[in-house]
Amino acid sequence: MLYAGIAIIITGIVSALSPILREWYAHRKRKEREGRDRH
């Protein structure tokens, strides 16, 4: 029962963070591409 609760909490955290992480990752990729073009 304890593991089920932990799994639900982790799933909630991951689902909340995934859009933020995706946005950050996309932003980082864009910045790298711009940096490459500048040089």
C-alpha atoms as a PDB file:
ATOM      1  CA  MET A   1       0.000   0.000   0.000  1.00  0.00           C
ATOM      2  CA  LEU A   2       2.862   2.360   0.844  1.00  0.00           C
ATOM      3  CA  TYR A   3       4.515   1.754  -2.528  1.00  0.00           C
ATOM      4  CA  ALA A   4       1.249   2.544  -4.330  1.00  0.00           C
ATOM      5  CA  GLY A   5       1.072   5.907  -2.545  1.00  0.00           C
ATOM      6  CA  ILE A   6       4.689   6.699  -3.390  1.00  0.00           C
ATOM      7  CA  ALA A   7       4.121   5.725  -7.035  1.00  0.00           C
ATOM      8  CA  ILE A   8       1.087   8.052  -7.253  1.00  0.00           C
ATOM      9  CA  ILE A   9       3.084  10.935  -5.733  1.00  0.00           C
ATOM     10  CA  ILE A  10       6.019  10.358  -8.117  1.00  0.00           C
ATOM     11  CA  THR A  11       3.657  10.163 -11.106  1.00  0.00           C
ATOM     12  CA  GLY A  12       2.067  13.463 -10.060  1.00  0.00           C
ATOM     13  CA  ILE A  13       5.458  15.159  -9.692  1.00  0.00           C
ATOM     14  CA  VAL A  14       6.701  13.826 -13.047  1.00  0.00           C
ATOM     15  CA  SER A  15       3.531  14.885 -14.876  1.00  0.00           C
ATOM     16  CA  ALA A  16       3.822  18.371 -13.340  1.00  0.00           C
ATOM     17  CA  LEU A  17       7.516  18.694 -14.232  1.00  0.00           C
ATOM     18  CA  SER A  18       7.483  17.172 -17.738  1.00  0.00           C
ATOM     19  CA  PRO A  19       6.149  20.305 -19.555  1.00  0.00           C
ATOM     20  CA  ILE A  20       8.674  22.476 -17.660  1.00  0.00           C
ATOM     21  CA  LEU A  21      11.525  20.118 -18.532  1.00  0.00           C
ATOM     22  CA  ARG A  22      10.434  19.946 -22.177  1.00  0.00           C
ATOM     23  CA  GLU A  23      10.321  23.759 -22.383  1.00  0.00           C
ATOM     24  CA  TRP A  24      13.765  24.066 -20.749  1.00  0.00           C
ATOM     25  CA  TYR A  25      15.231  21.395 -23.017  1.00  0.00           C
ATOM     26  CA  ALA A  26      13.830  23.049 -26.160  1.00  0.00           C
ATOM     27  CA  HIS A  27      15.146  26.431 -25.007  1.00  0.00           C
ATOM     28  CA  ARG A  28      18.608  24.955 -24.391  1.00  0.00           C
ATOM     29  CA  LYS A  29      18.662  23.317 -27.834  1.00  0.00           C
ATOM     30  CA  ARG A  30      17.672  26.628 -29.474  1.00  0.00           C
ATOM     31  CA  LYS A  31      20.397  28.502 -27.576  1.00  0.00           C
ATOM     32  CA  GLU A  32      23.026  25.938 -28.667  1.00  0.00           C
ATOM     33  CA  ARG A  33      21.934  26.260 -32.312  1.00  0.00           C
ATOM     34  CA  GLU A  34      22.124  30.083 -32.154  1.00  0.00           C
ATOM     35  CA  GLY A  35      25.564  29.894 -30.561  1.00  0.00           C
ATOM     36  CA  ARG A  36      26.778  27.616 -33.350  1.00  0.00           C
ATOM     37  CA  ASP A  37      25.479  30.005 -36.032  1.00  0.00           C
ATOM     38  CA  ARG A  38      27.189  33.008 -34.433  1.00  0.00           C
ATOM     39  CA  HIS A  39      30.699  31.491 -34.603  1.00  0.00           C
END
